[in-house]
N, C-alpha and C. Protein backbone atom coordinates (compact mmCIF):
# COMPACT_ATOMS: atom_id res chain seq x y z
N MET A 1 38.74 -4.87 -47.22
CA MET A 1 37.25 -4.79 -47.51
C MET A 1 36.77 -3.99 -46.07
N LYS A 2 37.36 -4.56 -45.43
CA LYS A 2 36.22 -4.24 -43.99
C LYS A 2 36.57 -2.15 -43.25
N TYR A 3 37.21 -1.36 -44.21
CA TYR A 3 37.09 -0.06 -44.24
C TYR A 3 36.29 -0.05 -45.40
N ALA A 4 35.97 -0.15 -46.19
CA ALA A 4 34.94 -0.23 -47.19
C ALA A 4 33.16 0.02 -46.55
N VAL A 5 33.68 -1.21 -46.17
CA VAL A 5 31.73 -1.29 -45.39
C VAL A 5 32.17 -0.46 -44.47
N VAL A 6 32.59 -0.11 -43.12
CA VAL A 6 32.81 1.05 -42.94
C VAL A 6 32.39 2.47 -42.95
N PHE A 7 33.43 2.92 -44.31
CA PHE A 7 33.04 3.46 -45.12
C PHE A 7 31.56 3.70 -46.04
N ALA A 8 31.61 2.64 -45.76
CA ALA A 8 29.95 2.81 -46.79
C ALA A 8 28.48 3.25 -45.48
N ILE A 9 29.07 2.38 -44.39
CA ILE A 9 27.49 2.65 -43.50
C ILE A 9 28.36 4.48 -42.95
N VAL A 10 29.02 4.68 -42.74
CA VAL A 10 29.85 6.08 -42.24
C VAL A 10 28.54 7.41 -43.24
N ALA A 11 29.44 6.84 -44.55
CA ALA A 11 28.68 7.52 -45.81
C ALA A 11 27.15 7.02 -45.80
N LEU A 12 26.45 6.36 -45.51
CA LEU A 12 24.77 6.13 -45.92
C LEU A 12 24.75 7.07 -44.43
N ALA A 13 25.14 6.47 -43.30
CA ALA A 13 24.41 7.73 -42.31
C ALA A 13 24.92 8.89 -42.75
N THR A 14 25.47 9.55 -42.96
CA THR A 14 26.12 10.73 -43.42
C THR A 14 24.65 11.29 -44.25
N ILE A 15 23.95 10.01 -45.14
CA ILE A 15 22.96 10.91 -46.23
C ILE A 15 21.83 11.51 -45.65
N VAL A 16 21.55 10.00 -45.09
CA VAL A 16 20.77 9.43 -43.84
C VAL A 16 20.06 10.67 -42.86
N TYR A 17 21.53 10.87 -42.64
CA TYR A 17 21.01 12.19 -41.83
C TYR A 17 20.49 13.76 -42.27
N ALA A 18 21.34 13.98 -43.36
CA ALA A 18 21.25 15.02 -44.13
C ALA A 18 19.99 15.37 -44.90
N LEU A 19 19.09 13.89 -45.09
CA LEU A 19 17.64 14.48 -45.95
C LEU A 19 16.82 15.20 -44.90
N PRO A 20 16.06 15.74 -45.75
CA PRO A 20 14.98 16.50 -44.56
C PRO A 20 14.81 16.06 -43.99
N LYS A 21 13.89 16.56 -42.60
CA LYS A 21 13.78 15.73 -41.62
C LYS A 21 11.77 16.47 -41.73
N PRO A 22 10.55 16.27 -41.14
CA PRO A 22 9.37 16.91 -41.51
C PRO A 22 9.62 17.69 -40.80
N ASP A 23 10.13 18.21 -39.53
CA ASP A 23 10.35 19.29 -38.96
C ASP A 23 11.36 20.29 -39.72
N ASP A 24 11.94 20.09 -40.44
CA ASP A 24 13.25 20.85 -41.08
C ASP A 24 12.64 22.39 -41.71
N ASP A 25 10.97 21.91 -42.08
CA ASP A 25 10.65 23.00 -43.17
C ASP A 25 10.28 24.32 -42.06
N LYS A 26 9.93 23.80 -40.68
CA LYS A 26 9.79 24.99 -39.88
C LYS A 26 10.88 25.66 -38.73
N TYR A 27 10.54 27.23 -38.42
CA TYR A 27 11.51 27.70 -37.65
C TYR A 27 11.28 27.08 -36.51
N THR A 28 12.83 27.53 -35.83
CA THR A 28 13.38 26.67 -34.54
C THR A 28 11.97 27.14 -33.68
N THR A 29 11.52 26.05 -32.74
CA THR A 29 10.38 26.57 -31.40
C THR A 29 11.24 26.48 -30.43
N LYS A 30 12.71 26.94 -30.53
CA LYS A 30 13.87 27.28 -29.62
C LYS A 30 13.19 28.54 -28.32
N TYR A 31 12.38 29.47 -28.85
CA TYR A 31 12.53 31.00 -28.66
C TYR A 31 10.62 31.19 -28.06
N ASP A 32 9.83 29.90 -28.39
CA ASP A 32 8.45 30.20 -28.28
C ASP A 32 7.95 30.67 -26.75
N ASN A 33 8.81 30.14 -26.12
CA ASN A 33 8.08 30.49 -24.96
C ASN A 33 8.85 31.98 -24.31
N ILE A 34 9.48 33.01 -25.19
CA ILE A 34 10.08 34.07 -24.90
C ILE A 34 8.35 35.05 -24.58
N ASP A 35 8.49 35.90 -23.50
CA ASP A 35 6.98 36.23 -22.87
C ASP A 35 6.53 37.83 -23.75
N ILE A 36 6.45 37.66 -25.35
CA ILE A 36 5.70 38.33 -26.25
C ILE A 36 4.89 40.01 -25.34
N ASP A 37 4.16 39.50 -24.59
CA ASP A 37 3.69 40.55 -24.02
C ASP A 37 4.32 41.32 -23.30
N SER A 38 5.54 40.61 -22.74
CA SER A 38 6.12 41.63 -21.57
C SER A 38 7.51 42.57 -23.03
N ILE A 39 7.98 42.27 -24.00
CA ILE A 39 8.30 43.13 -24.77
C ILE A 39 7.38 43.98 -25.31
N LEU A 40 6.31 43.57 -25.72
CA LEU A 40 5.08 44.55 -26.06
C LEU A 40 4.97 45.73 -24.90
N SER A 41 4.99 45.40 -23.87
CA SER A 41 4.76 46.27 -23.21
C SER A 41 5.53 47.12 -22.50
N ASN A 42 7.23 47.18 -22.76
CA ASN A 42 7.72 47.88 -22.30
C ASN A 42 8.93 48.58 -23.59
N GLU A 43 8.66 50.22 -23.27
CA GLU A 43 9.32 50.54 -24.72
C GLU A 43 10.91 50.73 -24.78
N ARG A 44 11.60 50.33 -23.73
CA ARG A 44 12.83 49.74 -23.95
C ARG A 44 12.89 48.95 -24.98
N LEU A 45 12.60 47.42 -24.29
CA LEU A 45 12.61 46.36 -24.98
C LEU A 45 12.24 46.37 -26.51
N LEU A 46 11.01 46.93 -26.28
CA LEU A 46 10.15 47.03 -27.75
C LEU A 46 11.31 47.47 -28.60
N LYS A 47 11.76 48.75 -28.36
CA LYS A 47 12.75 50.04 -28.94
C LYS A 47 13.83 49.04 -29.29
N ASN A 48 14.31 47.98 -28.63
CA ASN A 48 15.75 47.37 -29.01
C ASN A 48 14.80 46.15 -29.84
N TYR A 49 14.42 45.59 -29.95
CA TYR A 49 14.24 44.69 -30.91
C TYR A 49 13.49 45.56 -31.98
N ILE A 50 12.99 46.70 -32.46
CA ILE A 50 12.62 47.43 -33.40
C ILE A 50 13.80 47.41 -34.09
N ASP A 51 14.99 48.29 -33.39
CA ASP A 51 16.02 48.65 -33.84
C ASP A 51 16.78 47.38 -34.64
N CYS A 52 16.86 46.38 -33.86
CA CYS A 52 17.72 44.92 -34.14
C CYS A 52 17.09 44.45 -35.53
N ILE A 53 15.44 44.36 -35.96
CA ILE A 53 15.03 44.17 -37.24
C ILE A 53 15.36 45.03 -37.99
N GLN A 54 15.20 46.54 -37.69
CA GLN A 54 15.45 47.40 -38.42
C GLN A 54 17.02 47.95 -38.87
N ASN A 55 18.01 47.03 -37.91
CA ASN A 55 19.68 47.16 -38.20
C ASN A 55 20.36 48.75 -37.82
N LYS A 56 18.96 49.48 -37.07
CA LYS A 56 19.46 50.27 -36.41
C LYS A 56 20.47 50.15 -35.00
N GLY A 57 20.39 48.79 -34.14
CA GLY A 57 20.43 48.44 -33.01
C GLY A 57 21.32 47.02 -32.93
N LYS A 58 22.09 47.09 -32.09
CA LYS A 58 22.05 45.40 -31.78
C LYS A 58 20.94 44.89 -31.40
N CYS A 59 21.12 43.25 -31.78
CA CYS A 59 19.94 42.27 -31.48
C CYS A 59 20.65 41.54 -30.40
N THR A 60 19.92 41.07 -29.88
CA THR A 60 19.85 40.08 -28.71
C THR A 60 20.05 38.18 -29.89
N THR A 61 20.17 37.42 -28.76
CA THR A 61 20.23 36.27 -29.56
C THR A 61 18.73 35.95 -30.39
N GLU A 62 17.83 36.06 -29.72
CA GLU A 62 16.27 35.97 -29.94
C GLU A 62 15.72 36.93 -30.97
N GLY A 63 16.87 38.19 -31.47
CA GLY A 63 16.32 39.44 -32.28
C GLY A 63 16.95 38.98 -33.64
N ASP A 64 18.40 38.26 -32.79
CA ASP A 64 18.91 37.94 -34.68
C ASP A 64 18.38 36.58 -35.42
N GLU A 65 17.21 35.95 -34.67
CA GLU A 65 16.91 34.38 -35.20
C GLU A 65 15.67 35.19 -35.37
N LEU A 66 15.02 36.51 -35.31
CA LEU A 66 13.89 36.57 -35.52
C LEU A 66 14.31 37.25 -37.11
N LYS A 67 14.90 37.86 -37.27
CA LYS A 67 15.86 39.28 -38.16
C LYS A 67 16.34 38.06 -39.26
N LEU A 68 16.26 36.79 -38.75
CA LEU A 68 17.01 36.22 -39.82
C LEU A 68 15.08 34.89 -40.49
N HIS A 69 14.66 34.62 -40.28
CA HIS A 69 13.06 34.96 -40.41
C HIS A 69 12.28 35.81 -41.03
N LEU A 70 12.58 36.78 -40.63
CA LEU A 70 11.24 37.81 -40.88
C LEU A 70 10.88 38.04 -42.63
N LYS A 71 11.71 38.31 -42.60
CA LYS A 71 11.55 38.19 -44.60
C LYS A 71 10.50 36.74 -44.95
N ASP A 72 11.27 35.51 -44.75
CA ASP A 72 10.72 34.24 -45.07
C ASP A 72 9.16 34.16 -44.52
N ALA A 73 9.40 34.45 -43.75
CA ALA A 73 7.85 34.52 -43.08
C ALA A 73 6.76 35.40 -43.33
N ILE A 74 7.39 36.75 -43.66
CA ILE A 74 6.32 37.47 -44.58
C ILE A 74 5.61 37.12 -45.32
N GLN A 75 6.63 36.41 -46.56
CA GLN A 75 6.60 36.00 -48.17
C GLN A 75 6.22 34.49 -47.52
N ASN A 76 5.68 33.99 -46.66
CA ASN A 76 4.76 32.38 -47.43
C ASN A 76 4.31 32.34 -46.23
N CYS A 77 3.51 33.76 -45.46
CA CYS A 77 2.82 33.72 -44.37
C CYS A 77 2.40 33.10 -43.09
N CYS A 78 4.26 33.22 -43.12
CA CYS A 78 4.39 32.37 -41.51
C CYS A 78 3.75 30.89 -41.69
N GLU A 79 4.33 30.23 -42.48
CA GLU A 79 3.56 28.82 -42.91
C GLU A 79 4.57 28.30 -41.87
N LYS A 80 5.80 28.81 -41.74
CA LYS A 80 6.99 27.88 -41.25
C LYS A 80 6.67 27.95 -39.75
N CYS A 81 5.63 29.14 -39.56
CA CYS A 81 5.81 28.69 -37.80
C CYS A 81 4.81 27.84 -37.06
N SER A 82 5.33 27.77 -35.85
CA SER A 82 4.79 27.23 -35.13
C SER A 82 3.43 27.50 -34.66
N ASP A 83 2.23 27.00 -33.94
CA ASP A 83 1.60 28.14 -33.62
C ASP A 83 1.35 28.82 -32.81
N LYS A 84 2.37 28.80 -31.33
CA LYS A 84 2.38 29.19 -30.68
C LYS A 84 3.61 30.91 -31.71
N GLN A 85 4.23 30.68 -32.59
CA GLN A 85 4.38 31.61 -33.31
C GLN A 85 3.84 32.90 -33.94
N LYS A 86 2.83 31.54 -34.89
CA LYS A 86 2.08 32.26 -35.35
C LYS A 86 0.99 33.68 -34.35
N GLU A 87 0.79 33.06 -32.89
CA GLU A 87 0.28 33.98 -32.14
C GLU A 87 0.89 35.03 -31.74
N GLY A 88 2.34 35.14 -31.63
CA GLY A 88 2.80 36.11 -31.43
C GLY A 88 3.18 37.09 -32.31
N VAL A 89 3.37 36.65 -33.63
CA VAL A 89 3.02 36.91 -35.45
C VAL A 89 1.88 38.53 -35.10
N MET A 90 0.06 37.77 -34.86
CA MET A 90 -0.64 38.59 -34.47
C MET A 90 -0.94 39.00 -33.78
N LYS A 91 -0.55 39.14 -32.00
CA LYS A 91 0.15 40.01 -31.00
C LYS A 91 0.64 41.55 -31.97
N VAL A 92 1.83 40.68 -32.44
CA VAL A 92 2.82 41.74 -32.46
C VAL A 92 2.61 42.75 -33.73
N PHE A 93 1.71 42.42 -34.68
CA PHE A 93 1.07 43.12 -35.64
C PHE A 93 0.08 43.91 -35.10
N LYS A 94 -0.77 43.14 -34.84
CA LYS A 94 -2.29 43.91 -33.38
C LYS A 94 -1.64 45.79 -33.25
N VAL A 95 -0.46 45.38 -32.23
CA VAL A 95 0.29 46.10 -31.31
C VAL A 95 0.96 47.49 -32.15
N PHE A 96 1.82 46.98 -33.03
CA PHE A 96 2.17 47.76 -34.18
C PHE A 96 1.01 48.47 -34.76
N SER A 97 0.19 47.95 -35.40
CA SER A 97 -0.89 48.52 -36.55
C SER A 97 -1.27 49.65 -34.87
N GLU A 98 -1.66 49.50 -34.32
CA GLU A 98 -2.48 50.17 -33.35
C GLU A 98 -1.58 51.63 -32.62
N LYS A 99 -0.09 50.87 -32.02
CA LYS A 99 0.54 51.71 -31.64
C LYS A 99 1.71 52.16 -31.92
N LYS A 100 2.85 51.90 -33.40
CA LYS A 100 3.53 51.97 -33.75
C LYS A 100 3.11 52.06 -35.59
N PRO A 101 1.83 52.75 -36.10
CA PRO A 101 2.04 52.60 -37.25
C PRO A 101 3.26 53.17 -38.23
N GLU A 102 4.55 54.27 -37.30
CA GLU A 102 5.11 53.75 -38.47
C GLU A 102 6.24 52.63 -38.87
N VAL A 103 6.33 52.13 -37.68
CA VAL A 103 7.25 50.64 -37.80
C VAL A 103 6.35 49.76 -39.27
N MET A 104 5.42 49.73 -38.64
CA MET A 104 3.93 48.82 -39.63
C MET A 104 4.67 49.08 -41.07
N LYS A 105 4.89 50.80 -41.23
CA LYS A 105 4.87 51.28 -42.75
C LYS A 105 6.00 50.69 -43.09
N GLN A 106 7.13 50.97 -42.41
CA GLN A 106 8.65 50.97 -42.74
C GLN A 106 9.03 49.29 -42.83
N LEU A 107 8.09 48.42 -42.22
CA LEU A 107 8.17 46.89 -42.36
C LEU A 107 7.64 46.39 -43.71
N GLN A 108 6.68 47.48 -44.10
CA GLN A 108 5.81 46.90 -45.42
C GLN A 108 6.96 47.57 -46.39
N GLU A 109 6.77 48.56 -45.93
CA GLU A 109 8.10 49.13 -46.83
C GLU A 109 9.26 48.31 -47.57
N GLU A 110 10.05 48.21 -46.69
CA GLU A 110 11.51 46.82 -46.42
C GLU A 110 10.74 45.58 -46.95
N HIS A 111 9.22 45.19 -46.71
CA HIS A 111 9.45 43.79 -47.18
C HIS A 111 8.40 43.24 -48.00
N ASP A 112 7.85 43.84 -48.22
CA ASP A 112 6.45 44.35 -49.23
C ASP A 112 6.00 45.25 -49.88
N PRO A 113 7.08 45.99 -50.78
CA PRO A 113 6.94 47.93 -50.77
C PRO A 113 5.05 47.42 -52.03
N THR A 114 5.47 46.40 -52.70
CA THR A 114 4.27 45.94 -53.95
C THR A 114 2.87 45.76 -52.91
N GLY A 115 2.96 44.66 -51.42
CA GLY A 115 1.34 44.68 -51.28
C GLY A 115 1.65 43.11 -51.96
N GLU A 116 2.05 42.37 -52.66
CA GLU A 116 1.89 41.24 -53.20
C GLU A 116 1.40 40.01 -52.54
N TYR A 117 2.55 40.12 -51.26
CA TYR A 117 2.91 38.89 -50.27
C TYR A 117 1.24 38.99 -49.51
N GLU A 118 0.69 40.67 -48.87
CA GLU A 118 -0.49 40.58 -48.12
C GLU A 118 -1.51 40.23 -48.78
N LYS A 119 -1.67 40.94 -49.83
CA LYS A 119 -2.37 40.06 -50.96
C LYS A 119 -2.81 38.63 -51.03
N LEU A 120 -1.48 37.84 -51.06
CA LEU A 120 -1.75 36.09 -51.18
C LEU A 120 -1.77 36.22 -49.44
N CYS A 121 -1.39 36.51 -48.38
CA CYS A 121 -1.61 36.13 -47.20
C CYS A 121 -3.46 36.40 -46.98
N ARG A 122 -3.73 37.35 -47.11
CA ARG A 122 -5.26 37.64 -47.30
C ARG A 122 -5.92 36.56 -47.79
N GLU A 123 -5.48 36.50 -48.62
CA GLU A 123 -6.35 35.22 -49.63
C GLU A 123 -6.41 33.90 -49.09
N LYS A 124 -5.24 33.58 -48.37
CA LYS A 124 -4.83 31.84 -47.97
C LYS A 124 -5.84 32.69 -46.15
N TYR A 125 -6.12 33.76 -45.38
CA TYR A 125 -5.86 33.76 -43.74
C TYR A 125 -7.61 35.27 -44.44
N PRO A 126 -8.24 35.31 -44.97
CA PRO A 126 -8.76 36.41 -45.28
C PRO A 126 -9.43 37.10 -43.53
N ASP A 127 -9.25 36.41 -42.32
CA ASP A 127 -9.05 37.21 -41.06
C ASP A 127 -8.37 38.10 -40.77
N VAL A 128 -7.57 37.29 -41.16
CA VAL A 128 -6.00 38.14 -40.57
C VAL A 128 -5.16 38.97 -41.07
N LYS A 129 -4.90 40.08 -40.80
CA LYS A 129 -4.38 41.48 -41.02
C LYS A 129 -2.95 41.16 -41.42
N ILE A 130 -2.29 41.01 -42.31
CA ILE A 130 -0.73 41.10 -42.11
C ILE A 130 0.01 42.80 -41.92
N PHE A 131 -0.42 43.51 -43.05
CA PHE A 131 -0.65 44.66 -42.70
C PHE A 131 -1.59 46.05 -42.77
């Protein structure tokens, strides 16, 4: 009987632990303190990140995390992003739109070829340009 009670407690604890927590629907904030401005102003670093997300080069740990969530973030208008991540996304898209339009075009062709997500995000956030 004692083992059944211990088993039940362990099973219950496992179930409770596995239930979604309020923040489980958000992306990790582990990399929120990365200096995006430094990356965007350094052609070599920027090229490495672009190559990473385009599967043309090696990825850093941060690059792997970015690549892992990029498509989902585009499809859900960055709803799972922290405020800091949303700010970073806007910076990146602004720089890419102005200085790397070919990269923006490739991202759009790969992740939103029909423009459906851009349309949804524009409706939700009319002042924000996605692509």
